[in-house]
Amino acid sequence: MKSWIEKRQHKREALRIAATAVMQDGLVRQDVLVVNLSRSGAMVELCESIDLSDDFTLLFNHSLEPCHVVWRQAQFAGVQFSHVMTDEQQSHFDSSQIVDVVQDEPVRQVPRGH
């Protein structure tokens, strides 16, 4: 069995923030939930069974973040932002939105090829 190697460069924070995935130049919008967030990416939970584009814009908390899907499993997807968030962008998150801080914890491996 392969051991999982953590590749993230930034600390993740567990959140529950309503967001919108904006696809096809704004013609398609889908509600999602940001369940964890770092300066360079996020994990989102799809609110409905949709075909999430590989590249889309994540609209949340007064922020537009172009992103790319790096993994998918069931109703979850991991996305990498096109640009690392600045301290100012990250400061927009209200502490009441943060459920728990996830640090130095092994990430569960997502099965591939399903």
PDB file of N, CA and C in Angstrom:
ATOM      1  N   MET A   1       0.840  -1.182   0.000  1.00  0.00           N
ATOM      2  CA  MET A   1       0.000   0.000   0.000  1.00  0.00           C
ATOM      3  C   MET A   1       0.888   1.249   0.000  1.00  0.00           C
ATOM      4  N   LYS A   2       0.555   2.189  -0.863  1.00  0.00           N
ATOM      5  CA  LYS A   2       1.331   3.424  -0.935  1.00  0.00           C
ATOM      6  C   LYS A   2       1.030   4.308   0.262  1.00  0.00           C
ATOM      7  N   SER A   3       2.055   4.996   0.731  1.00  0.00           N
ATOM      8  CA  SER A   3       1.811   5.971   1.793  1.00  0.00           C
ATOM      9  C   SER A   3       1.470   7.301   1.137  1.00  0.00           C
ATOM     10  N   TRP A   4       0.614   8.057   1.768  1.00  0.00           N
ATOM     11  CA  TRP A   4       0.155   9.339   1.239  1.00  0.00           C
ATOM     12  C   TRP A   4       1.154  10.417   1.616  1.00  0.00           C
ATOM     13  N   ILE A   5       1.573  11.195   0.643  1.00  0.00           N
ATOM     14  CA  ILE A   5       2.508  12.285   0.895  1.00  0.00           C
ATOM     15  C   ILE A   5       1.753  13.595   0.792  1.00  0.00           C
ATOM     16  N   GLU A   6       1.801  14.369   1.841  1.00  0.00           N
ATOM     17  CA  GLU A   6       1.135  15.681   1.869  1.00  0.00           C
ATOM     18  C   GLU A   6       1.875  16.625   0.941  1.00  0.00           C
ATOM     19  N   LYS A   7       1.152  17.209  -0.029  1.00  0.00           N
ATOM     20  CA  LYS A   7       1.771  18.106  -0.996  1.00  0.00           C
ATOM     21  C   LYS A   7       1.350  19.555  -0.803  1.00  0.00           C
ATOM     22  N   ARG A   8       0.459  19.816   0.124  1.00  0.00           N
ATOM     23  CA  ARG A   8      -0.024  21.180   0.307  1.00  0.00           C
ATOM     24  C   ARG A   8       1.064  22.064   0.897  1.00  0.00           C
ATOM     25  N   GLN A   9       1.107  23.309   0.425  1.00  0.00           N
ATOM     26  CA  GLN A   9       2.102  24.250   0.919  1.00  0.00           C
ATOM     27  C   GLN A   9       1.521  25.207   1.949  1.00  0.00           C
ATOM     28  N   HIS A  10       0.198  25.242   2.071  1.00  0.00           N
ATOM     29  CA  HIS A  10      -0.450  26.195   2.974  1.00  0.00           C
ATOM     30  C   HIS A  10      -1.403  25.474   3.924  1.00  0.00           C
ATOM     31  N   LYS A  11      -1.512  25.992   5.121  1.00  0.00           N
ATOM     32  CA  LYS A  11      -2.396  25.450   6.154  1.00  0.00           C
ATOM     33  C   LYS A  11      -3.847  25.509   5.677  1.00  0.00           C
ATOM     34  N   ARG A  12      -4.599  24.448   5.939  1.00  0.00           N
ATOM     35  CA  ARG A  12      -6.015  24.405   5.593  1.00  0.00           C
ATOM     36  C   ARG A  12      -6.858  24.765   6.807  1.00  0.00           C
ATOM     37  N   GLU A  13      -7.973  25.408   6.545  1.00  0.00           N
ATOM     38  CA  GLU A  13      -8.947  25.692   7.596  1.00  0.00           C
ATOM     39  C   GLU A  13     -10.265  25.063   7.189  1.00  0.00           C
ATOM     40  N   ALA A  14     -10.860  24.309   8.113  1.00  0.00           N
ATOM     41  CA  ALA A  14     -12.171  23.724   7.853  1.00  0.00           C
ATOM     42  C   ALA A  14     -13.212  24.827   7.999  1.00  0.00           C
ATOM     43  N   LEU A  15     -14.060  24.949   7.002  1.00  0.00           N
ATOM     44  CA  LEU A  15     -15.078  26.003   6.964  1.00  0.00           C
ATOM     45  C   LEU A  15     -16.404  25.411   6.519  1.00  0.00           C
ATOM     46  N   ARG A  16     -17.411  26.208   6.524  1.00  0.00           N
ATOM     47  CA  ARG A  16     -18.683  25.877   5.881  1.00  0.00           C
ATOM     48  C   ARG A  16     -19.179  27.186   5.294  1.00  0.00           C
ATOM     49  N   ILE A  17     -18.795  27.440   4.042  1.00  0.00           N
ATOM     50  CA  ILE A  17     -19.151  28.689   3.381  1.00  0.00           C
ATOM     51  C   ILE A  17     -19.916  28.374   2.102  1.00  0.00           C
ATOM     52  N   ALA A  18     -21.103  28.951   1.964  1.00  0.00           N
ATOM     53  CA  ALA A  18     -21.862  28.812   0.725  1.00  0.00           C
ATOM     54  C   ALA A  18     -21.110  29.531  -0.386  1.00  0.00           C
ATOM     55  N   ALA A  19     -21.046  28.908  -1.558  1.00  0.00           N
ATOM     56  CA  ALA A  19     -20.314  29.480  -2.687  1.00  0.00           C
ATOM     57  C   ALA A  19     -21.033  29.106  -3.978  1.00  0.00           C
ATOM     58  N   THR A  20     -20.542  29.664  -5.077  1.00  0.00           N
ATOM     59  CA  THR A  20     -21.104  29.376  -6.389  1.00  0.00           C
ATOM     60  C   THR A  20     -19.979  29.033  -7.353  1.00  0.00           C
ATOM     61  N   ALA A  21     -20.137  27.924  -8.068  1.00  0.00           N
ATOM     62  CA  ALA A  21     -19.217  27.572  -9.148  1.00  0.00           C
ATOM     63  C   ALA A  21     -19.777  28.207 -10.414  1.00  0.00           C
ATOM     64  N   VAL A  22     -18.989  29.089 -11.033  1.00  0.00           N
ATOM     65  CA  VAL A  22     -19.417  29.795 -12.242  1.00  0.00           C
ATOM     66  C   VAL A  22     -18.655  29.194 -13.420  1.00  0.00           C
ATOM     67  N   MET A  23     -19.427  28.628 -14.373  1.00  0.00           N
ATOM     68  CA  MET A  23     -18.820  27.931 -15.507  1.00  0.00           C
ATOM     69  C   MET A  23     -19.333  28.506 -16.823  1.00  0.00           C
ATOM     70  N   GLN A  24     -18.661  28.154 -17.889  1.00  0.00           N
ATOM     71  CA  GLN A  24     -19.054  28.532 -19.249  1.00  0.00           C
ATOM     72  C   GLN A  24     -19.313  30.028 -19.373  1.00  0.00           C
ATOM     73  N   ASP A  25     -18.314  30.814 -19.005  1.00  0.00           N
ATOM     74  CA  ASP A  25     -18.387  32.279 -19.113  1.00  0.00           C
ATOM     75  C   ASP A  25     -19.595  32.874 -18.394  1.00  0.00           C
ATOM     76  N   GLY A  26     -19.992  32.250 -17.284  1.00  0.00           N
ATOM     77  CA  GLY A  26     -21.088  32.780 -16.477  1.00  0.00           C
ATOM     78  C   GLY A  26     -22.461  32.269 -16.857  1.00  0.00           C
ATOM     79  N   LEU A  27     -22.554  31.460 -17.909  1.00  0.00           N
ATOM     80  CA  LEU A  27     -23.853  30.950 -18.346  1.00  0.00           C
ATOM     81  C   LEU A  27     -24.388  29.862 -17.426  1.00  0.00           C
ATOM     82  N   VAL A  28     -23.492  29.149 -16.743  1.00  0.00           N
ATOM     83  CA  VAL A  28     -23.894  28.075 -15.837  1.00  0.00           C
ATOM     84  C   VAL A  28     -23.363  28.400 -14.450  1.00  0.00           C
ATOM     85  N   ARG A  29     -24.264  28.365 -13.467  1.00  0.00           N
ATOM     86  CA  ARG A  29     -23.890  28.600 -12.066  1.00  0.00           C
ATOM     87  C   ARG A  29     -24.452  27.470 -11.222  1.00  0.00           C
ATOM     88  N   GLN A  30     -23.652  27.019 -10.269  1.00  0.00           N
ATOM     89  CA  GLN A  30     -24.075  25.916  -9.413  1.00  0.00           C
ATOM     90  C   GLN A  30     -23.672  26.193  -7.974  1.00  0.00           C
ATOM     91  N   ASP A  31     -24.607  25.990  -7.050  1.00  0.00           N
ATOM     92  CA  ASP A  31     -24.304  26.156  -5.631  1.00  0.00           C
ATOM     93  C   ASP A  31     -23.361  25.052  -5.171  1.00  0.00           C
ATOM     94  N   VAL A  32     -22.352  25.440  -4.401  1.00  0.00           N
ATOM     95  CA  VAL A  32     -21.420  24.500  -3.783  1.00  0.00           C
ATOM     96  C   VAL A  32     -21.174  24.967  -2.350  1.00  0.00           C
ATOM     97  N   LEU A  33     -20.505  24.142  -1.578  1.00  0.00           N
ATOM     98  CA  LEU A  33     -20.150  24.483  -0.208  1.00  0.00           C
ATOM     99  C   LEU A  33     -18.640  24.325  -0.064  1.00  0.00           C
ATOM    100  N   VAL A  34     -17.948  25.377   0.356  1.00  0.00           N
ATOM    101  CA  VAL A  34     -16.509  25.285   0.626  1.00  0.00           C
ATOM    102  C   VAL A  34     -16.368  24.650   2.006  1.00  0.00           C
ATOM    103  N   VAL A  35     -15.725  23.482   2.066  1.00  0.00           N
ATOM    104  CA  VAL A  35     -15.603  22.780   3.344  1.00  0.00           C
ATOM    105  C   VAL A  35     -14.201  22.861   3.938  1.00  0.00           C
ATOM    106  N   ASN A  36     -13.211  23.190   3.112  1.00  0.00           N
ATOM    107  CA  ASN A  36     -11.917  23.568   3.671  1.00  0.00           C
ATOM    108  C   ASN A  36     -11.220  24.478   2.679  1.00  0.00           C
ATOM    109  N   LEU A  37     -10.318  25.302   3.211  1.00  0.00           N
ATOM    110  CA  LEU A  37      -9.734  26.366   2.410  1.00  0.00           C
ATOM    111  C   LEU A  37      -8.296  26.608   2.833  1.00  0.00           C
ATOM    112  N   SER A  38      -7.436  26.816   1.846  1.00  0.00           N
ATOM    113  CA  SER A  38      -6.080  27.289   2.109  1.00  0.00           C
ATOM    114  C   SER A  38      -5.839  28.465   1.177  1.00  0.00           C
ATOM    115  N   ARG A  39      -4.670  29.048   1.260  1.00  0.00           N
ATOM    116  CA  ARG A  39      -4.363  30.184   0.380  1.00  0.00           C
ATOM    117  C   ARG A  39      -4.267  29.757  -1.077  1.00  0.00           C
ATOM    118  N   SER A  40      -4.038  28.462  -1.330  1.00  0.00           N
ATOM    119  CA  SER A  40      -3.836  28.011  -2.706  1.00  0.00           C
ATOM    120  C   SER A  40      -4.933  27.108  -3.258  1.00  0.00           C
ATOM    121  N   GLY A  41      -5.937  26.774  -2.449  1.00  0.00           N
ATOM    122  CA  GLY A  41      -6.995  25.906  -2.957  1.00  0.00           C
ATOM    123  C   GLY A  41      -8.074  25.635  -1.932  1.00  0.00           C
ATOM    124  N   ALA A  42      -8.985  24.746  -2.307  1.00  0.00           N
ATOM    125  CA  ALA A  42     -10.124  24.448  -1.440  1.00  0.00           C
ATOM    126  C   ALA A  42     -10.670  23.064  -1.759  1.00  0.00           C
ATOM    127  N   MET A  43     -11.464  22.541  -0.831  1.00  0.00           N
ATOM    128  CA  MET A  43     -12.287  21.378  -1.109  1.00  0.00           C
ATOM    129  C   MET A  43     -13.721  21.873  -1.120  1.00  0.00           C
ATOM    130  N   VAL A  44     -14.451  21.510  -2.170  1.00  0.00           N
ATOM    131  CA  VAL A  44     -15.842  21.926  -2.270  1.00  0.00           C
ATOM    132  C   VAL A  44     -16.738  20.698  -2.283  1.00  0.00           C
ATOM    133  N   GLU A  45     -17.934  20.883  -1.741  1.00  0.00           N
ATOM    134  CA  GLU A  45     -18.960  19.852  -1.785  1.00  0.00           C
ATOM    135  C   GLU A  45     -20.038  20.336  -2.740  1.00  0.00           C
ATOM    136  N   LEU A  46     -20.369  19.496  -3.707  1.00  0.00           N
ATOM    137  CA  LEU A  46     -21.394  19.850  -4.677  1.00  0.00           C
ATOM    138  C   LEU A  46     -22.759  19.660  -4.042  1.00  0.00           C
ATOM    139  N   CYS A  47     -23.619  20.639  -4.194  1.00  0.00           N
ATOM    140  CA  CYS A  47     -24.941  20.584  -3.582  1.00  0.00           C
ATOM    141  C   CYS A  47     -25.907  19.736  -4.402  1.00  0.00           C
ATOM    142  N   GLU A  48     -25.618  19.544  -5.667  1.00  0.00           N
ATOM    143  CA  GLU A  48     -26.424  18.706  -6.548  1.00  0.00           C
ATOM    144  C   GLU A  48     -25.483  17.892  -7.411  1.00  0.00           C
ATOM    145  N   SER A  49     -26.015  16.862  -8.027  1.00  0.00           N
ATOM    146  CA  SER A  49     -25.204  16.059  -8.930  1.00  0.00           C
ATOM    147  C   SER A  49     -25.037  16.823 -10.242  1.00  0.00           C
ATOM    148  N   ILE A  50     -23.863  17.411 -10.417  1.00  0.00           N
ATOM    149  CA  ILE A  50     -23.593  18.196 -11.625  1.00  0.00           C
ATOM    150  C   ILE A  50     -22.277  17.753 -12.241  1.00  0.00           C
ATOM    151  N   ASP A  51     -22.088  18.126 -13.476  1.00  0.00           N
ATOM    152  CA  ASP A  51     -20.823  17.884 -14.150  1.00  0.00           C
ATOM    153  C   ASP A  51     -19.980  19.137 -13.987  1.00  0.00           C
ATOM    154  N   LEU A  52     -19.163  19.163 -12.970  1.00  0.00           N
ATOM    155  CA  LEU A  52     -18.324  20.320 -12.676  1.00  0.00           C
ATOM    156  C   LEU A  52     -17.208  20.414 -13.710  1.00  0.00           C
ATOM    157  N   SER A  53     -17.076  21.565 -14.348  1.00  0.00           N
ATOM    158  CA  SER A  53     -16.020  21.781 -15.343  1.00  0.00           C
ATOM    159  C   SER A  53     -14.649  21.645 -14.690  1.00  0.00           C
ATOM    160  N   ASP A  54     -13.648  21.266 -15.489  1.00  0.00           N
ATOM    161  CA  ASP A  54     -12.282  21.173 -14.969  1.00  0.00           C
ATOM    162  C   ASP A  54     -11.759  22.536 -14.528  1.00  0.00           C
ATOM    163  N   ASP A  55     -12.188  23.583 -15.220  1.00  0.00           N
ATOM    164  CA  ASP A  55     -11.791  24.951 -14.887  1.00  0.00           C
ATOM    165  C   ASP A  55     -13.052  25.788 -14.717  1.00  0.00           C
ATOM    166  N   PHE A  56     -13.124  26.516 -13.606  1.00  0.00           N
ATOM    167  CA  PHE A  56     -14.283  27.368 -13.337  1.00  0.00           C
ATOM    168  C   PHE A  56     -13.860  28.468 -12.376  1.00  0.00           C
ATOM    169  N   THR A  57     -14.775  29.371 -12.100  1.00  0.00           N
ATOM    170  CA  THR A  57     -14.512  30.436 -11.130  1.00  0.00           C
ATOM    171  C   THR A  57     -15.348  30.172  -9.895  1.00  0.00           C
ATOM    172  N   LEU A  58     -14.713  30.224  -8.736  1.00  0.00           N
ATOM    173  CA  LEU A  58     -15.404  30.023  -7.468  1.00  0.00           C
ATOM    174  C   LEU A  58     -15.729  31.389  -6.889  1.00  0.00           C
ATOM    175  N   LEU A  59     -17.005  31.649  -6.698  1.00  0.00           N
ATOM    176  CA  LEU A  59     -17.489  32.918  -6.151  1.00  0.00           C
ATOM    177  C   LEU A  59     -17.908  32.664  -4.714  1.00  0.00           C
ATOM    178  N   PHE A  60     -17.192  33.303  -3.764  1.00  0.00           N
ATOM    179  CA  PHE A  60     -17.537  33.130  -2.351  1.00  0.00           C
ATOM    180  C   PHE A  60     -16.980  34.281  -1.537  1.00  0.00           C
ATOM    181  N   ASN A  61     -17.749  34.675  -0.551  1.00  0.00           N
ATOM    182  CA  ASN A  61     -17.312  35.681   0.416  1.00  0.00           C
ATOM    183  C   ASN A  61     -16.703  36.913  -0.261  1.00  0.00           C
ATOM    184  N   HIS A  62     -17.399  37.441  -1.268  1.00  0.00           N
ATOM    185  CA  HIS A  62     -16.966  38.638  -2.007  1.00  0.00           C
ATOM    186  C   HIS A  62     -15.650  38.424  -2.740  1.00  0.00           C
ATOM    187  N   SER A  63     -15.369  37.195  -3.129  1.00  0.00           N
ATOM    188  CA  SER A  63     -14.126  36.872  -3.817  1.00  0.00           C
ATOM    189  C   SER A  63     -14.431  36.034  -5.055  1.00  0.00           C
ATOM    190  N   LEU A  64     -13.738  36.304  -6.145  1.00  0.00           N
ATOM    191  CA  LEU A  64     -13.806  35.500  -7.368  1.00  0.00           C
ATOM    192  C   LEU A  64     -12.459  34.819  -7.540  1.00  0.00           C
ATOM    193  N   GLU A  65     -12.432  33.490  -7.475  1.00  0.00           N
ATOM    194  CA  GLU A  65     -11.172  32.756  -7.569  1.00  0.00           C
ATOM    195  C   GLU A  65     -11.218  31.783  -8.744  1.00  0.00           C
ATOM    196  N   PRO A  66     -10.506  32.094  -9.846  1.00  0.00           N
ATOM    197  CA  PRO A  66     -10.392  31.114 -10.924  1.00  0.00           C
ATOM    198  C   PRO A  66      -9.670  29.878 -10.378  1.00  0.00           C
ATOM    199  N   CYS A  67     -10.162  28.687 -10.725  1.00  0.00           N
ATOM    200  CA  CYS A  67      -9.553  27.487 -10.170  1.00  0.00           C
ATOM    201  C   CYS A  67      -9.623  26.317 -11.145  1.00  0.00           C
ATOM    202  N   HIS A  68      -8.872  25.278 -10.803  1.00  0.00           N
ATOM    203  CA  HIS A  68      -8.773  24.065 -11.608  1.00  0.00           C
ATOM    204  C   HIS A  68      -9.009  22.862 -10.689  1.00  0.00           C
ATOM    205  N   VAL A  69      -9.834  21.921 -11.135  1.00  0.00           N
ATOM    206  CA  VAL A  69     -10.111  20.715 -10.346  1.00  0.00           C
ATOM    207  C   VAL A  69      -8.894  19.793 -10.415  1.00  0.00           C
ATOM    208  N   VAL A  70      -8.389  19.386  -9.236  1.00  0.00           N
ATOM    209  CA  VAL A  70      -7.240  18.478  -9.187  1.00  0.00           C
ATOM    210  C   VAL A  70      -7.637  17.064  -8.773  1.00  0.00           C
ATOM    211  N   TRP A  71      -8.792  16.908  -8.119  1.00  0.00           N
ATOM    212  CA  TRP A  71      -9.328  15.584  -7.817  1.00  0.00           C
ATOM    213  C   TRP A  71     -10.837  15.682  -7.614  1.00  0.00           C
ATOM    214  N   ARG A  72     -11.509  14.550  -7.786  1.00  0.00           N
ATOM    215  CA  ARG A  72     -12.962  14.447  -7.576  1.00  0.00           C
ATOM    216  C   ARG A  72     -13.260  13.097  -6.931  1.00  0.00           C
ATOM    217  N   GLN A  73     -14.239  13.087  -6.044  1.00  0.00           N
ATOM    218  CA  GLN A  73     -14.757  11.841  -5.499  1.00  0.00           C
ATOM    219  C   GLN A  73     -16.165  12.092  -5.000  1.00  0.00           C
ATOM    220  N   ALA A  74     -17.108  11.328  -5.543  1.00  0.00           N
ATOM    221  CA  ALA A  74     -18.523  11.476  -5.198  1.00  0.00           C
ATOM    222  C   ALA A  74     -18.922  12.940  -5.326  1.00  0.00           C
ATOM    223  N   GLN A  75     -19.450  13.528  -4.247  1.00  0.00           N
ATOM    224  CA  GLN A  75     -19.913  14.922  -4.315  1.00  0.00           C
ATOM    225  C   GLN A  75     -18.831  15.930  -3.921  1.00  0.00           C
ATOM    226  N   PHE A  76     -17.581  15.504  -3.789  1.00  0.00           N
ATOM    227  CA  PHE A  76     -16.494  16.394  -3.382  1.00  0.00           C
ATOM    228  C   PHE A  76     -15.496  16.605  -4.518  1.00  0.00           C
ATOM    229  N   ALA A  77     -14.859  17.774  -4.497  1.00  0.00           N
ATOM    230  CA  ALA A  77     -13.794  18.074  -5.461  1.00  0.00           C
ATOM    231  C   ALA A  77     -12.737  18.933  -4.775  1.00  0.00           C
ATOM    232  N   GLY A  78     -11.490  18.667  -5.102  1.00  0.00           N
ATOM    233  CA  GLY A  78     -10.386  19.502  -4.639  1.00  0.00           C
ATOM    234  C   GLY A  78      -9.986  20.435  -5.762  1.00  0.00           C
ATOM    235  N   VAL A  79      -9.874  21.715  -5.459  1.00  0.00           N
ATOM    236  CA  VAL A  79      -9.531  22.695  -6.491  1.00  0.00           C
ATOM    237  C   VAL A  79      -8.280  23.470  -6.096  1.00  0.00           C
ATOM    238  N   GLN A  80      -7.516  23.835  -7.106  1.00  0.00           N
ATOM    239  CA  GLN A  80      -6.333  24.672  -6.914  1.00  0.00           C
ATOM    240  C   GLN A  80      -6.630  26.026  -7.533  1.00  0.00           C
ATOM    241  N   PHE A  81      -6.400  27.095  -6.767  1.00  0.00           N
ATOM    242  CA  PHE A  81      -6.625  28.446  -7.276  1.00  0.00           C
ATOM    243  C   PHE A  81      -5.541  28.806  -8.287  1.00  0.00           C
ATOM    244  N   SER A  82      -5.906  29.638  -9.260  1.00  0.00           N
ATOM    245  CA  SER A  82      -4.942  30.098 -10.264  1.00  0.00           C
ATOM    246  C   SER A  82      -3.847  30.951  -9.635  1.00  0.00           C
ATOM    247  N   HIS A  83      -4.193  31.665  -8.562  1.00  0.00           N
ATOM    248  CA  HIS A  83      -3.239  32.519  -7.848  1.00  0.00           C
ATOM    249  C   HIS A  83      -3.389  32.267  -6.356  1.00  0.00           C
ATOM    250  N   VAL A  84      -2.297  32.331  -5.635  1.00  0.00           N
ATOM    251  CA  VAL A  84      -2.338  32.184  -4.177  1.00  0.00           C
ATOM    252  C   VAL A  84      -3.032  33.410  -3.594  1.00  0.00           C
ATOM    253  N   MET A  85      -3.960  33.177  -2.665  1.00  0.00           N
ATOM    254  CA  MET A  85      -4.686  34.279  -2.029  1.00  0.00           C
ATOM    255  C   MET A  85      -3.726  35.140  -1.212  1.00  0.00           C
ATOM    256  N   THR A  86      -3.974  36.434  -1.195  1.00  0.00           N
ATOM    257  CA  THR A  86      -3.168  37.356  -0.396  1.00  0.00           C
ATOM    258  C   THR A  86      -3.661  37.353   1.047  1.00  0.00           C
ATOM    259  N   ASP A  87      -2.868  37.936   1.938  1.00  0.00           N
ATOM    260  CA  ASP A  87      -3.300  38.083   3.333  1.00  0.00           C
ATOM    261  C   ASP A  87      -4.595  38.877   3.402  1.00  0.00           C
ATOM    262  N   GLU A  88      -4.721  39.904   2.571  1.00  0.00           N
ATOM    263  CA  GLU A  88      -5.932  40.735   2.576  1.00  0.00           C
ATOM    264  C   GLU A  88      -7.150  39.919   2.159  1.00  0.00           C
ATOM    265  N   GLN A  89      -7.021  39.095   1.120  1.00  0.00           N
ATOM    266  CA  GLN A  89      -8.141  38.259   0.695  1.00  0.00           C
ATOM    267  C   GLN A  89      -8.524  37.280   1.795  1.00  0.00           C
ATOM    268  N   GLN A  90      -7.536  36.689   2.424  1.00  0.00           N
ATOM    269  CA  GLN A  90      -7.810  35.707   3.467  1.00  0.00           C
ATOM    270  C   GLN A  90      -8.424  36.364   4.700  1.00  0.00           C
ATOM    271  N   SER A  91      -8.113  37.632   4.935  1.00  0.00           N
ATOM    272  CA  SER A  91      -8.645  38.324   6.112  1.00  0.00           C
ATOM    273  C   SER A  91     -10.140  38.602   5.996  1.00  0.00           C
ATOM    274  N   HIS A  92     -10.720  38.429   4.813  1.00  0.00           N
ATOM    275  CA  HIS A  92     -12.149  38.665   4.622  1.00  0.00           C
ATOM    276  C   HIS A  92     -13.012  37.575   5.245  1.00  0.00           C
ATOM    277  N   PHE A  93     -12.405  36.468   5.634  1.00  0.00           N
ATOM    278  CA  PHE A  93     -13.180  35.384   6.205  1.00  0.00           C
ATOM    279  C   PHE A  93     -13.447  35.645   7.671  1.00  0.00           C
ATOM    280  N   ASP A  94     -14.702  35.683   8.005  1.00  0.00           N
ATOM    281  CA  ASP A  94     -15.155  35.937   9.367  1.00  0.00           C
ATOM    282  C   ASP A  94     -14.835  34.716  10.220  1.00  0.00           C
ATOM    283  N   SER A  95     -14.310  34.928  11.414  1.00  0.00           N
ATOM    284  CA  SER A  95     -13.928  33.809  12.282  1.00  0.00           C
ATOM    285  C   SER A  95     -15.112  32.918  12.636  1.00  0.00           C
ATOM    286  N   SER A  96     -16.333  33.425  12.560  1.00  0.00           N
ATOM    287  CA  SER A  96     -17.500  32.593  12.861  1.00  0.00           C
ATOM    288  C   SER A  96     -17.732  31.557  11.765  1.00  0.00           C
ATOM    289  N   GLN A  97     -17.125  31.747  10.590  1.00  0.00           N
ATOM    290  CA  GLN A  97     -17.271  30.785   9.500  1.00  0.00           C
ATOM    291  C   GLN A  97     -16.321  29.610   9.666  1.00  0.00           C
ATOM    292  N   ILE A  98     -15.292  29.784  10.477  1.00  0.00           N
ATOM    293  CA  ILE A  98     -14.290  28.744  10.651  1.00  0.00           C
ATOM    294  C   ILE A  98     -14.778  27.750  11.693  1.00  0.00           C
ATOM    295  N   VAL A  99     -14.924  26.489  11.266  1.00  0.00           N
ATOM    296  CA  VAL A  99     -15.407  25.453  12.160  1.00  0.00           C
ATOM    297  C   VAL A  99     -14.256  24.898  12.982  1.00  0.00           C
ATOM    298  N   ASP A 100     -13.137  24.646  12.323  1.00  0.00           N
ATOM    299  CA  ASP A 100     -12.002  24.019  12.984  1.00  0.00           C
ATOM    300  C   ASP A 100     -10.778  24.244  12.108  1.00  0.00           C
ATOM    301  N   VAL A 101      -9.630  24.354  12.705  1.00  0.00           N
ATOM    302  CA  VAL A 101      -8.393  24.488  11.945  1.00  0.00           C
ATOM    303  C   VAL A 101      -7.783  23.100  11.804  1.00  0.00           C
ATOM    304  N   VAL A 102      -7.442  22.726  10.591  1.00  0.00           N
ATOM    305  CA  VAL A 102      -6.877  21.415  10.309  1.00  0.00           C
ATOM    306  C   VAL A 102      -5.393  21.602  10.038  1.00  0.00           C
ATOM    307  N   GLN A 103      -4.550  21.089  10.947  1.00  0.00           N
ATOM    308  CA  GLN A 103      -3.105  21.246  10.804  1.00  0.00           C
ATOM    309  C   GLN A 103      -2.418  19.910  11.026  1.00  0.00           C
ATOM    310  N   ASP A 104      -1.329  19.734  10.324  1.00  0.00           N
ATOM    311  CA  ASP A 104      -0.455  18.575  10.539  1.00  0.00           C
ATOM    312  C   ASP A 104      -1.229  17.272  10.683  1.00  0.00           C
ATOM    313  N   GLU A 105      -2.273  17.133   9.920  1.00  0.00           N
ATOM    314  CA  GLU A 105      -3.100  15.947   9.969  1.00  0.00           C
ATOM    315  C   GLU A 105      -2.981  15.243   8.629  1.00  0.00           C
ATOM    316  N   PRO A 106      -2.762  13.929   8.623  1.00  0.00           N
ATOM    317  CA  PRO A 106      -2.665  13.256   7.338  1.00  0.00           C
ATOM    318  C   PRO A 106      -3.972  13.424   6.560  1.00  0.00           C
ATOM    319  N   VAL A 107      -3.829  13.605   5.286  1.00  0.00           N
ATOM    320  CA  VAL A 107      -4.996  13.764   4.427  1.00  0.00           C
ATOM    321  C   VAL A 107      -5.407  12.386   3.958  1.00  0.00           C
ATOM    322  N   ARG A 108      -6.709  12.110   3.983  1.00  0.00           N
ATOM    323  CA  ARG A 108      -7.150  10.802   3.524  1.00  0.00           C
ATOM    324  C   ARG A 108      -6.892  10.703   2.026  1.00  0.00           C
ATOM    325  N   GLN A 109      -6.476   9.532   1.609  1.00  0.00           N
ATOM    326  CA  GLN A 109      -6.184   9.349   0.196  1.00  0.00           C
ATOM    327  C   GLN A 109      -7.484   9.171  -0.556  1.00  0.00           C
ATOM    328  N   VAL A 110      -7.593   9.841  -1.670  1.00  0.00           N
ATOM    329  CA  VAL A 110      -8.779   9.748  -2.505  1.00  0.00           C
ATOM    330  C   VAL A 110      -8.532   8.659  -3.534  1.00  0.00           C
ATOM    331  N   PRO A 111      -9.381   7.613  -3.550  1.00  0.00           N
ATOM    332  CA  PRO A 111      -9.192   6.547  -4.542  1.00  0.00           C
ATOM    333  C   PRO A 111      -9.291   7.108  -5.956  1.00  0.00           C
ATOM    334  N   ARG A 112      -8.440   6.663  -6.831  1.00  0.00           N
ATOM    335  CA  ARG A 112      -8.423   7.123  -8.226  1.00  0.00           C
ATOM    336  C   ARG A 112      -9.055   6.055  -9.127  1.00  0.00           C
ATOM    337  N   GLY A 113      -9.549   6.515 -10.245  1.00  0.00           N
ATOM    338  CA  GLY A 113     -10.014   5.592 -11.269  1.00  0.00           C
ATOM    339  C   GLY A 113     -11.403   5.040 -11.073  1.00  0.00           C
ATOM    340  N   HIS A 114     -12.238   5.697 -10.292  1.00  0.00           N
ATOM    341  CA  HIS A 114     -13.618   5.215 -10.099  1.00  0.00           C
ATOM    342  C   HIS A 114     -14.571   6.034 -10.892  1.00  0.00           C
TER     343      HIS A 114
END
